[in-house]
PDB file of N, CA and C in Angstrom:
ATOM      1  N   MET A   1     -32.391 -15.591  13.308  1.00  0.00           N
ATOM      2  CA  MET A   1     -32.447 -16.939  13.832  1.00  0.00           C
ATOM      3  C   MET A   1     -33.367 -17.017  15.048  1.00  0.00           C
ATOM      4  N   VAL A   2     -33.370 -15.963  15.853  1.00  0.00           N
ATOM      5  CA  VAL A   2     -34.228 -15.942  17.037  1.00  0.00           C
ATOM      6  C   VAL A   2     -35.690 -16.025  16.628  1.00  0.00           C
ATOM      7  N   ASP A   3     -36.078 -15.237  15.640  1.00  0.00           N
ATOM      8  CA  ASP A   3     -37.472 -15.229  15.200  1.00  0.00           C
ATOM      9  C   ASP A   3     -37.881 -16.578  14.609  1.00  0.00           C
ATOM     10  N   THR A   4     -37.015 -17.170  13.829  1.00  0.00           N
ATOM     11  CA  THR A   4     -37.310 -18.485  13.255  1.00  0.00           C
ATOM     12  C   THR A   4     -37.488 -19.518  14.364  1.00  0.00           C
ATOM     13  N   PHE A   5     -36.627 -19.478  15.353  1.00  0.00           N
ATOM     14  CA  PHE A   5     -36.736 -20.395  16.492  1.00  0.00           C
ATOM     15  C   PHE A   5     -38.083 -20.217  17.190  1.00  0.00           C
ATOM     16  N   ILE A   6     -38.483 -18.986  17.435  1.00  0.00           N
ATOM     17  CA  ILE A   6     -39.752 -18.712  18.107  1.00  0.00           C
ATOM     18  C   ILE A   6     -40.930 -19.239  17.295  1.00  0.00           C
ATOM     19  N   VAL A   7     -40.914 -18.997  15.983  1.00  0.00           N
ATOM     20  CA  VAL A   7     -42.003 -19.481  15.129  1.00  0.00           C
ATOM     21  C   VAL A   7     -42.048 -21.011  15.131  1.00  0.00           C
ATOM     22  N   VAL A   8     -40.896 -21.659  15.077  1.00  0.00           N
ATOM     23  CA  VAL A   8     -40.859 -23.126  15.100  1.00  0.00           C
ATOM     24  C   VAL A   8     -41.412 -23.655  16.419  1.00  0.00           C
ATOM     25  N   VAL A   9     -41.077 -23.036  17.532  1.00  0.00           N
ATOM     26  CA  VAL A   9     -41.590 -23.464  18.835  1.00  0.00           C
ATOM     27  C   VAL A   9     -43.107 -23.287  18.906  1.00  0.00           C
ATOM     28  N   ILE A  10     -43.595 -22.119  18.490  1.00  0.00           N
ATOM     29  CA  ILE A  10     -45.039 -21.863  18.502  1.00  0.00           C
ATOM     30  C   ILE A  10     -45.768 -22.879  17.626  1.00  0.00           C
ATOM     31  N   THR A  11     -45.235 -23.105  16.430  1.00  0.00           N
ATOM     32  CA  THR A  11     -45.853 -24.057  15.500  1.00  0.00           C
ATOM     33  C   THR A  11     -45.834 -25.466  16.074  1.00  0.00           C
ATOM     34  N   SER A  12     -44.726 -25.865  16.659  1.00  0.00           N
ATOM     35  CA  SER A  12     -44.601 -27.211  17.230  1.00  0.00           C
ATOM     36  C   SER A  12     -45.592 -27.424  18.366  1.00  0.00           C
ATOM     37  N   ILE A  13     -45.728 -26.438  19.225  1.00  0.00           N
ATOM     38  CA  ILE A  13     -46.691 -26.550  20.331  1.00  0.00           C
ATOM     39  C   ILE A  13     -48.108 -26.650  19.786  1.00  0.00           C
ATOM     40  N   TYR A  14     -48.427 -25.795  18.835  1.00  0.00           N
ATOM     41  CA  TYR A  14     -49.766 -25.833  18.228  1.00  0.00           C
ATOM     42  C   TYR A  14     -50.029 -27.192  17.575  1.00  0.00           C
ATOM     43  N   ASP A  15     -49.078 -27.667  16.794  1.00  0.00           N
ATOM     44  CA  ASP A  15     -49.258 -28.952  16.105  1.00  0.00           C
ATOM     45  C   ASP A  15     -49.404 -30.108  17.089  1.00  0.00           C
ATOM     46  N   PHE A  16     -48.664 -30.058  18.185  1.00  0.00           N
ATOM     47  CA  PHE A  16     -48.745 -31.122  19.191  1.00  0.00           C
ATOM     48  C   PHE A  16     -50.090 -31.091  19.906  1.00  0.00           C
ATOM     49  N   VAL A  17     -50.493 -29.910  20.355  1.00  0.00           N
ATOM     50  CA  VAL A  17     -51.736 -29.776  21.126  1.00  0.00           C
ATOM     51  C   VAL A  17     -52.959 -30.113  20.279  1.00  0.00           C
ATOM     52  N   THR A  18     -52.940 -29.721  19.013  1.00  0.00           N
ATOM     53  CA  THR A  18     -54.115 -29.944  18.159  1.00  0.00           C
ATOM     54  C   THR A  18     -54.020 -31.205  17.311  1.00  0.00           C
ATOM     55  N   SER A  19     -52.912 -31.936  17.431  1.00  0.00           N
ATOM     56  CA  SER A  19     -52.663 -33.117  16.588  1.00  0.00           C
ATOM     57  C   SER A  19     -52.753 -32.760  15.109  1.00  0.00           C
ATOM     58  N   ASN A  20     -52.273 -31.589  14.780  1.00  0.00           N
ATOM     59  CA  ASN A  20     -52.312 -31.098  13.402  1.00  0.00           C
ATOM     60  C   ASN A  20     -51.365 -31.922  12.527  1.00  0.00           C
ATOM     61  N   VAL A  21     -51.844 -32.344  11.375  1.00  0.00           N
ATOM     62  CA  VAL A  21     -51.000 -33.108  10.455  1.00  0.00           C
ATOM     63  C   VAL A  21     -50.475 -32.243   9.308  1.00  0.00           C
ATOM     64  N   TYR A  22     -50.847 -30.992   9.298  1.00  0.00           N
ATOM     65  CA  TYR A  22     -50.411 -30.077   8.243  1.00  0.00           C
ATOM     66  C   TYR A  22     -49.377 -29.093   8.798  1.00  0.00           C
ATOM     67  N   GLU A  23     -48.262 -29.651   9.277  1.00  0.00           N
ATOM     68  CA  GLU A  23     -47.255 -28.841   9.957  1.00  0.00           C
ATOM     69  C   GLU A  23     -46.710 -27.710   9.090  1.00  0.00           C
ATOM     70  N   VAL A  24     -46.502 -27.986   7.822  1.00  0.00           N
ATOM     71  CA  VAL A  24     -45.939 -26.967   6.939  1.00  0.00           C
ATOM     72  C   VAL A  24     -46.901 -25.790   6.797  1.00  0.00           C
ATOM     73  N   LEU A  25     -48.172 -26.074   6.657  1.00  0.00           N
ATOM     74  CA  LEU A  25     -49.153 -24.994   6.542  1.00  0.00           C
ATOM     75  C   LEU A  25     -49.237 -24.169   7.821  1.00  0.00           C
ATOM     76  N   SER A  26     -49.201 -24.843   8.960  1.00  0.00           N
ATOM     77  CA  SER A  26     -49.266 -24.075  10.204  1.00  0.00           C
ATOM     78  C   SER A  26     -47.989 -23.256  10.395  1.00  0.00           C
ATOM     79  N   TYR A  27     -46.831 -23.764   9.939  1.00  0.00           N
ATOM     80  CA  TYR A  27     -45.596 -22.979  10.017  1.00  0.00           C
ATOM     81  C   TYR A  27     -45.734 -21.701   9.191  1.00  0.00           C
ATOM     82  N   PHE A  28     -46.230 -21.812   7.961  1.00  0.00           N
ATOM     83  CA  PHE A  28     -46.410 -20.629   7.117  1.00  0.00           C
ATOM     84  C   PHE A  28     -47.403 -19.654   7.746  1.00  0.00           C
ATOM     85  N   PHE A  29     -48.477 -20.170   8.283  1.00  0.00           N
ATOM     86  CA  PHE A  29     -49.492 -19.329   8.922  1.00  0.00           C
ATOM     87  C   PHE A  29     -48.899 -18.559  10.100  1.00  0.00           C
ATOM     88  N   PHE A  30     -48.285 -19.272  11.035  1.00  0.00           N
ATOM     89  CA  PHE A  30     -47.733 -18.621  12.221  1.00  0.00           C
ATOM     90  C   PHE A  30     -46.564 -17.711  11.870  1.00  0.00           C
ATOM     91  N   SER A  31     -45.760 -18.101  10.913  1.00  0.00           N
ATOM     92  CA  SER A  31     -44.625 -17.276  10.503  1.00  0.00           C
ATOM     93  C   SER A  31     -45.114 -15.963   9.925  1.00  0.00           C
ATOM     94  N   PHE A  32     -46.062 -16.022   9.003  1.00  0.00           N
ATOM     95  CA  PHE A  32     -46.591 -14.799   8.395  1.00  0.00           C
ATOM     96  C   PHE A  32     -47.145 -13.859   9.466  1.00  0.00           C
ATOM     97  N   PHE A  33     -48.003 -14.382  10.327  1.00  0.00           N
ATOM     98  CA  PHE A  33     -48.646 -13.519  11.308  1.00  0.00           C
ATOM     99  C   PHE A  33     -47.706 -13.061  12.421  1.00  0.00           C
ATOM    100  N   TYR A  34     -46.710 -13.856  12.751  1.00  0.00           N
ATOM    101  CA  TYR A  34     -45.699 -13.427  13.724  1.00  0.00           C
ATOM    102  C   TYR A  34     -45.012 -12.158  13.230  1.00  0.00           C
ATOM    103  N   TYR A  35     -44.487 -12.213  12.011  1.00  0.00           N
ATOM    104  CA  TYR A  35     -43.804 -11.047  11.446  1.00  0.00           C
ATOM    105  C   TYR A  35     -44.784  -9.904  11.186  1.00  0.00           C
ATOM    106  N   TYR A  36     -45.917 -10.229  10.599  1.00  0.00           N
ATOM    107  CA  TYR A  36     -46.883  -9.188  10.217  1.00  0.00           C
ATOM    108  C   TYR A  36     -47.371  -8.401  11.432  1.00  0.00           C
ATOM    109  N   ILE A  37     -47.833  -9.089  12.443  1.00  0.00           N
ATOM    110  CA  ILE A  37     -48.407  -8.408  13.602  1.00  0.00           C
ATOM    111  C   ILE A  37     -47.349  -7.617  14.368  1.00  0.00           C
ATOM    112  N   LEU A  38     -46.214  -8.241  14.659  1.00  0.00           N
ATOM    113  CA  LEU A  38     -45.192  -7.547  15.451  1.00  0.00           C
ATOM    114  C   LEU A  38     -44.576  -6.368  14.694  1.00  0.00           C
ATOM    115  N   GLU A  39     -44.285  -6.552  13.407  1.00  0.00           N
ATOM    116  CA  GLU A  39     -43.669  -5.452  12.659  1.00  0.00           C
ATOM    117  C   GLU A  39     -44.672  -4.339  12.373  1.00  0.00           C
ATOM    118  N   LEU A  40     -45.931  -4.670  12.214  1.00  0.00           N
ATOM    119  CA  LEU A  40     -46.939  -3.638  11.983  1.00  0.00           C
ATOM    120  C   LEU A  40     -47.198  -2.842  13.257  1.00  0.00           C
ATOM    121  N   LYS A  41     -47.338  -3.517  14.373  1.00  0.00           N
ATOM    122  CA  LYS A  41     -47.673  -2.835  15.631  1.00  0.00           C
ATOM    123  C   LYS A  41     -46.460  -2.169  16.283  1.00  0.00           C
ATOM    124  N   TYR A  42     -45.315  -2.871  16.307  1.00  0.00           N
ATOM    125  CA  TYR A  42     -44.157  -2.370  17.051  1.00  0.00           C
ATOM    126  C   TYR A  42     -42.962  -1.999  16.171  1.00  0.00           C
ATOM    127  N   GLN A  43     -43.032  -2.306  14.893  1.00  0.00           N
ATOM    128  CA  GLN A  43     -41.932  -2.123  13.947  1.00  0.00           C
ATOM    129  C   GLN A  43     -40.755  -3.039  14.257  1.00  0.00           C
ATOM    130  N   LYS A  44     -40.969  -4.046  15.091  1.00  0.00           N
ATOM    131  CA  LYS A  44     -39.879  -4.961  15.425  1.00  0.00           C
ATOM    132  C   LYS A  44     -40.427  -6.286  15.926  1.00  0.00           C
ATOM    133  N   THR A  45     -39.658  -7.317  15.668  1.00  0.00           N
ATOM    134  CA  THR A  45     -39.942  -8.646  16.197  1.00  0.00           C
ATOM    135  C   THR A  45     -39.092  -8.836  17.447  1.00  0.00           C
ATOM    136  N   ILE A  46     -39.211  -9.983  18.082  1.00  0.00           N
ATOM    137  CA  ILE A  46     -38.400 -10.248  19.271  1.00  0.00           C
ATOM    138  C   ILE A  46     -36.919 -10.253  18.904  1.00  0.00           C
ATOM    139  N   GLY A  47     -36.580 -10.797  17.747  1.00  0.00           N
ATOM    140  CA  GLY A  47     -35.188 -10.775  17.296  1.00  0.00           C
ATOM    141  C   GLY A  47     -34.687  -9.354  17.089  1.00  0.00           C
ATOM    142  N   LYS A  48     -35.522  -8.493  16.548  1.00  0.00           N
ATOM    143  CA  LYS A  48     -35.136  -7.088  16.357  1.00  0.00           C
ATOM    144  C   LYS A  48     -35.030  -6.365  17.698  1.00  0.00           C
ATOM    145  N   MET A  49     -35.845  -6.756  18.670  1.00  0.00           N
ATOM    146  CA  MET A  49     -35.732  -6.174  20.008  1.00  0.00           C
ATOM    147  C   MET A  49     -34.372  -6.506  20.613  1.00  0.00           C
ATOM    148  N   MET A  50     -33.919  -7.728  20.384  1.00  0.00           N
ATOM    149  CA  MET A  50     -32.631  -8.162  20.927  1.00  0.00           C
ATOM    150  C   MET A  50     -31.448  -7.467  20.241  1.00  0.00           C
ATOM    151  N   THR A  51     -31.629  -7.104  18.976  1.00  0.00           N
ATOM    152  CA  THR A  51     -30.545  -6.444  18.242  1.00  0.00           C
ATOM    153  C   THR A  51     -30.729  -4.927  18.165  1.00  0.00           C
ATOM    154  N   ASN A  52     -31.764  -4.434  18.847  1.00  0.00           N
ATOM    155  CA  ASN A  52     -32.046  -2.998  18.900  1.00  0.00           C
ATOM    156  C   ASN A  52     -32.206  -2.393  17.500  1.00  0.00           C
ATOM    157  N   THR A  53     -32.996  -3.066  16.667  1.00  0.00           N
ATOM    158  CA  THR A  53     -33.287  -2.581  15.325  1.00  0.00           C
ATOM    159  C   THR A  53     -34.796  -2.527  15.128  1.00  0.00           C
ATOM    160  N   LYS A  54     -35.213  -1.824  14.068  1.00  0.00           N
ATOM    161  CA  LYS A  54     -36.635  -1.749  13.741  1.00  0.00           C
ATOM    162  C   LYS A  54     -36.809  -1.603  12.244  1.00  0.00           C
ATOM    163  N   VAL A  55     -38.031  -1.822  11.783  1.00  0.00           N
ATOM    164  CA  VAL A  55     -38.377  -1.733  10.366  1.00  0.00           C
ATOM    165  C   VAL A  55     -39.001  -0.376  10.090  1.00  0.00           C
ATOM    166  N   VAL A  56     -38.553   0.260   9.013  1.00  0.00           N
ATOM    167  CA  VAL A  56     -39.130   1.531   8.572  1.00  0.00           C
ATOM    168  C   VAL A  56     -39.315   1.480   7.059  1.00  0.00           C
ATOM    169  N   ASP A  57     -40.120   2.406   6.532  1.00  0.00           N
ATOM    170  CA  ASP A  57     -40.222   2.508   5.079  1.00  0.00           C
ATOM    171  C   ASP A  57     -39.015   3.301   4.572  1.00  0.00           C
ATOM    172  N   LEU A  58     -38.936   3.520   3.285  1.00  0.00           N
ATOM    173  CA  LEU A  58     -37.767   4.171   2.705  1.00  0.00           C
ATOM    174  C   LEU A  58     -37.622   5.634   3.117  1.00  0.00           C
ATOM    175  N   ASP A  59     -38.692   6.215   3.672  1.00  0.00           N
ATOM    176  CA  ASP A  59     -38.640   7.590   4.174  1.00  0.00           C
ATOM    177  C   ASP A  59     -38.323   7.650   5.666  1.00  0.00           C
ATOM    178  N   GLY A  60     -38.117   6.482   6.279  1.00  0.00           N
ATOM    179  CA  GLY A  60     -37.822   6.426   7.707  1.00  0.00           C
ATOM    180  C   GLY A  60     -39.052   6.439   8.593  1.00  0.00           C
ATOM    181  N   GLU A  61     -40.220   6.312   7.984  1.00  0.00           N
ATOM    182  CA  GLU A  61     -41.490   6.312   8.711  1.00  0.00           C
ATOM    183  C   GLU A  61     -41.938   4.881   8.984  1.00  0.00           C
ATOM    184  N   PRO A  62     -42.877   4.694   9.922  1.00  0.00           N
ATOM    185  CA  PRO A  62     -43.420   3.349  10.137  1.00  0.00           C
ATOM    186  C   PRO A  62     -44.051   2.816   8.847  1.00  0.00           C
ATOM    187  N   PRO A  63     -43.770   1.584   8.490  1.00  0.00           N
ATOM    188  CA  PRO A  63     -44.315   1.031   7.246  1.00  0.00           C
ATOM    189  C   PRO A  63     -45.826   0.841   7.320  1.00  0.00           C
ATOM    190  N   LYS A  64     -46.437   0.887   6.168  1.00  0.00           N
ATOM    191  CA  LYS A  64     -47.880   0.662   6.062  1.00  0.00           C
ATOM    192  C   LYS A  64     -48.163  -0.844   6.066  1.00  0.00           C
ATOM    193  N   SER A  65     -49.404  -1.174   6.302  1.00  0.00           N
ATOM    194  CA  SER A  65     -49.843  -2.569   6.370  1.00  0.00           C
ATOM    195  C   SER A  65     -49.460  -3.348   5.111  1.00  0.00           C
ATOM    196  N   LYS A  66     -49.632  -2.717   3.937  1.00  0.00           N
ATOM    197  CA  LYS A  66     -49.315  -3.368   2.666  1.00  0.00           C
ATOM    198  C   LYS A  66     -47.830  -3.720   2.597  1.00  0.00           C
ATOM    199  N   ASN A  67     -46.978  -2.798   3.019  1.00  0.00           N
ATOM    200  CA  ASN A  67     -45.537  -3.041   2.980  1.00  0.00           C
ATOM    201  C   ASN A  67     -45.149  -4.200   3.892  1.00  0.00           C
ATOM    202  N   ILE A  68     -45.731  -4.250   5.075  1.00  0.00           N
ATOM    203  CA  ILE A  68     -45.421  -5.324   6.015  1.00  0.00           C
ATOM    204  C   ILE A  68     -45.937  -6.660   5.493  1.00  0.00           C
ATOM    205  N   ALA A  69     -47.101  -6.657   4.847  1.00  0.00           N
ATOM    206  CA  ALA A  69     -47.638  -7.897   4.274  1.00  0.00           C
ATOM    207  C   ALA A  69     -46.705  -8.437   3.190  1.00  0.00           C
ATOM    208  N   VAL A  70     -46.246  -7.566   2.295  1.00  0.00           N
ATOM    209  CA  VAL A  70     -45.314  -7.985   1.235  1.00  0.00           C
ATOM    210  C   VAL A  70     -44.018  -8.482   1.859  1.00  0.00           C
ATOM    211  N   ARG A  71     -43.513  -7.765   2.847  1.00  0.00           N
ATOM    212  CA  ARG A  71     -42.276  -8.135   3.540  1.00  0.00           C
ATOM    213  C   ARG A  71     -42.416  -9.525   4.164  1.00  0.00           C
ATOM    214  N   SER A  72     -43.550  -9.774   4.813  1.00  0.00           N
ATOM    215  CA  SER A  72     -43.770 -11.064   5.468  1.00  0.00           C
ATOM    216  C   SER A  72     -43.903 -12.196   4.452  1.00  0.00           C
ATOM    217  N   LEU A  73     -44.574 -11.941   3.339  1.00  0.00           N
ATOM    218  CA  LEU A  73     -44.728 -12.967   2.302  1.00  0.00           C
ATOM    219  C   LEU A  73     -43.404 -13.301   1.618  1.00  0.00           C
ATOM    220  N   CYS A  74     -42.572 -12.310   1.404  1.00  0.00           N
ATOM    221  CA  CYS A  74     -41.284 -12.537   0.730  1.00  0.00           C
ATOM    222  C   CYS A  74     -40.366 -13.454   1.525  1.00  0.00           C
ATOM    223  N   ARG A  75     -40.553 -13.539   2.814  1.00  0.00           N
ATOM    224  CA  ARG A  75     -39.706 -14.411   3.642  1.00  0.00           C
ATOM    225  C   ARG A  75     -39.878 -15.882   3.295  1.00  0.00           C
ATOM    226  N   PHE A  76     -40.982 -16.238   2.652  1.00  0.00           N
ATOM    227  CA  PHE A  76     -41.230 -17.633   2.310  1.00  0.00           C
ATOM    228  C   PHE A  76     -40.420 -18.107   1.108  1.00  0.00           C
ATOM    229  N   PHE A  77     -39.852 -17.197   0.369  1.00  0.00           N
ATOM    230  CA  PHE A  77     -39.058 -17.564  -0.789  1.00  0.00           C
ATOM    231  C   PHE A  77     -37.616 -17.799  -0.352  1.00  0.00           C
ATOM    232  N   HIS A  78     -37.106 -18.956  -0.663  1.00  0.00           N
ATOM    233  CA  HIS A  78     -35.755 -19.310  -0.216  1.00  0.00           C
ATOM    234  C   HIS A  78     -34.692 -18.415  -0.838  1.00  0.00           C
ATOM    235  N   PHE A  79     -35.037 -17.753  -1.923  1.00  0.00           N
ATOM    236  CA  PHE A  79     -34.080 -16.838  -2.550  1.00  0.00           C
ATOM    237  C   PHE A  79     -33.815 -15.620  -1.674  1.00  0.00           C
ATOM    238  N   ASP A  80     -34.712 -15.368  -0.719  1.00  0.00           N
ATOM    239  CA  ASP A  80     -34.538 -14.216   0.158  1.00  0.00           C
ATOM    240  C   ASP A  80     -33.191 -14.281   0.886  1.00  0.00           C
ATOM    241  N   VAL A  81     -32.842 -15.428   1.407  1.00  0.00           N
ATOM    242  CA  VAL A  81     -31.562 -15.591   2.111  1.00  0.00           C
ATOM    243  C   VAL A  81     -30.403 -15.373   1.151  1.00  0.00           C
ATOM    244  N   LEU A  82     -30.523 -15.887  -0.056  1.00  0.00           N
ATOM    245  CA  LEU A  82     -29.451 -15.749  -1.043  1.00  0.00           C
ATOM    246  C   LEU A  82     -29.307 -14.306  -1.533  1.00  0.00           C
ATOM    247  N   SER A  83     -30.364 -13.517  -1.414  1.00  0.00           N
ATOM    248  CA  SER A  83     -30.310 -12.142  -1.921  1.00  0.00           C
ATOM    249  C   SER A  83     -29.289 -11.290  -1.173  1.00  0.00           C
ATOM    250  N   TYR A  84     -28.899 -11.692   0.010  1.00  0.00           N
ATOM    251  CA  TYR A  84     -27.866 -10.946   0.748  1.00  0.00           C
ATOM    252  C   TYR A  84     -26.483 -11.111   0.125  1.00  0.00           C
ATOM    253  N   TRP A  85     -26.303 -12.122  -0.694  1.00  0.00           N
ATOM    254  CA  TRP A  85     -25.005 -12.345  -1.351  1.00  0.00           C
ATOM    255  C   TRP A  85     -24.759 -11.330  -2.465  1.00  0.00           C
ATOM    256  N   VAL A  86     -25.820 -10.770  -3.005  1.00  0.00           N
ATOM    257  CA  VAL A  86     -25.660  -9.837  -4.128  1.00  0.00           C
ATOM    258  C   VAL A  86     -25.987  -8.394  -3.764  1.00  0.00           C
ATOM    259  N   GLY A  87     -26.385  -8.150  -2.541  1.00  0.00           N
ATOM    260  CA  GLY A  87     -26.704  -6.780  -2.142  1.00  0.00           C
ATOM    261  C   GLY A  87     -26.732  -6.626  -0.639  1.00  0.00           C
ATOM    262  N   ALA A  88     -26.870  -5.413  -0.195  1.00  0.00           N
ATOM    263  CA  ALA A  88     -26.861  -5.118   1.238  1.00  0.00           C
ATOM    264  C   ALA A  88     -28.201  -5.432   1.908  1.00  0.00           C
ATOM    265  N   TYR A  89     -29.269  -5.503   1.115  1.00  0.00           N
ATOM    266  CA  TYR A  89     -30.592  -5.729   1.667  1.00  0.00           C
ATOM    267  C   TYR A  89     -31.176  -7.025   1.135  1.00  0.00           C
ATOM    268  N   GLY A  90     -32.036  -7.635   1.937  1.00  0.00           N
ATOM    269  CA  GLY A  90     -32.711  -8.848   1.513  1.00  0.00           C
ATOM    270  C   GLY A  90     -33.854  -8.554   0.566  1.00  0.00           C
ATOM    271  N   MET A  91     -34.294  -9.581  -0.114  1.00  0.00           N
ATOM    272  CA  MET A  91     -35.401  -9.460  -1.048  1.00  0.00           C
ATOM    273  C   MET A  91     -36.645  -8.923  -0.336  1.00  0.00           C
ATOM    274  N   HIS A  92     -36.856  -9.334   0.922  1.00  0.00           N
ATOM    275  CA  HIS A  92     -38.045  -8.874   1.639  1.00  0.00           C
ATOM    276  C   HIS A  92     -37.996  -7.366   1.885  1.00  0.00           C
ATOM    277  N   ASP A  93     -36.825  -6.781   1.936  1.00  0.00           N
ATOM    278  CA  ASP A  93     -36.719  -5.322   2.051  1.00  0.00           C
ATOM    279  C   ASP A  93     -36.955  -4.642   0.702  1.00  0.00           C
ATOM    280  N   GLY A  94     -36.370  -5.188  -0.335  1.00  0.00           N
ATOM    281  CA  GLY A  94     -36.477  -4.574  -1.657  1.00  0.00           C
ATOM    282  C   GLY A  94     -37.893  -4.524  -2.182  1.00  0.00           C
ATOM    283  N   TYR A  95     -38.578  -5.656  -2.171  1.00  0.00           N
ATOM    284  CA  TYR A  95     -39.935  -5.702  -2.718  1.00  0.00           C
ATOM    285  C   TYR A  95     -40.951  -4.955  -1.854  1.00  0.00           C
ATOM    286  N   SER A  96     -40.710  -4.911  -0.552  1.00  0.00           N
ATOM    287  CA  SER A  96     -41.658  -4.240   0.334  1.00  0.00           C
ATOM    288  C   SER A  96     -41.342  -2.757   0.512  1.00  0.00           C
ATOM    289  N   ARG A  97     -40.210  -2.325  -0.057  1.00  0.00           N
ATOM    290  CA  ARG A  97     -39.775  -0.935   0.057  1.00  0.00           C
ATOM    291  C   ARG A  97     -39.620  -0.531   1.522  1.00  0.00           C
ATOM    292  N   THR A  98     -38.959  -1.416   2.286  1.00  0.00           N
ATOM    293  CA  THR A  98     -38.681  -1.173   3.694  1.00  0.00           C
ATOM    294  C   THR A  98     -37.201  -1.395   3.942  1.00  0.00           C
ATOM    295  N   MET A  99     -36.769  -1.063   5.147  1.00  0.00           N
ATOM    296  CA  MET A  99     -35.400  -1.347   5.548  1.00  0.00           C
ATOM    297  C   MET A  99     -35.359  -1.490   7.055  1.00  0.00           C
ATOM    298  N   THR A 100     -34.318  -2.140   7.531  1.00  0.00           N
ATOM    299  CA  THR A 100     -34.106  -2.314   8.958  1.00  0.00           C
ATOM    300  C   THR A 100     -33.014  -1.355   9.387  1.00  0.00           C
ATOM    301  N   ILE A 101     -33.294  -0.591  10.422  1.00  0.00           N
ATOM    302  CA  ILE A 101     -32.334   0.392  10.900  1.00  0.00           C
ATOM    303  C   ILE A 101     -32.120   0.202  12.413  1.00  0.00           C
ATOM    304  N   VAL A 102     -31.075   0.816  12.932  1.00  0.00           N
ATOM    305  CA  VAL A 102     -30.829   0.814  14.366  1.00  0.00           C
ATOM    306  C   VAL A 102     -31.900   1.677  15.034  1.00  0.00           C
ATOM    307  N   ASP A 103     -32.500   1.157  16.090  1.00  0.00           N
ATOM    308  CA  ASP A 103     -33.539   1.880  16.810  1.00  0.00           C
ATOM    309  C   ASP A 103     -32.872   2.774  17.852  1.00  0.00           C
ATOM    310  N   LYS A 104     -32.961   4.071  17.663  1.00  0.00           N
ATOM    311  CA  LYS A 104     -32.301   5.021  18.557  1.00  0.00           C
ATOM    312  C   LYS A 104     -33.202   5.475  19.704  1.00  0.00           C
ATOM    313  N   ASP A 105     -34.424   4.949  19.775  1.00  0.00           N
ATOM    314  CA  ASP A 105     -35.352   5.346  20.850  1.00  0.00           C
ATOM    315  C   ASP A 105     -35.012   4.678  22.149  1.00  0.00           C
TER     316      ASP A 105
END
């Protein structure tokens, strides 16, 4: 929820300052790059920093760019939220072959 709030605020400020009429497109753009850049560089978003978790691949290593891109794209599908009802991991973890773990560093 923290990450979604941050993306909505960033998108709203951008749309207001630029008088953008394509709010949905800018939301998708900022959302993708928010997750992609932070998870690729730091293995965590601001929400993950607050919960002391990070993203790793299935071997426990930092995920590759391709995995993070797939993970970020899968968040746009509304079924991702529903996927937690049938399993322990979200669709964005399954398709990207990643998982979120407690950060012990």
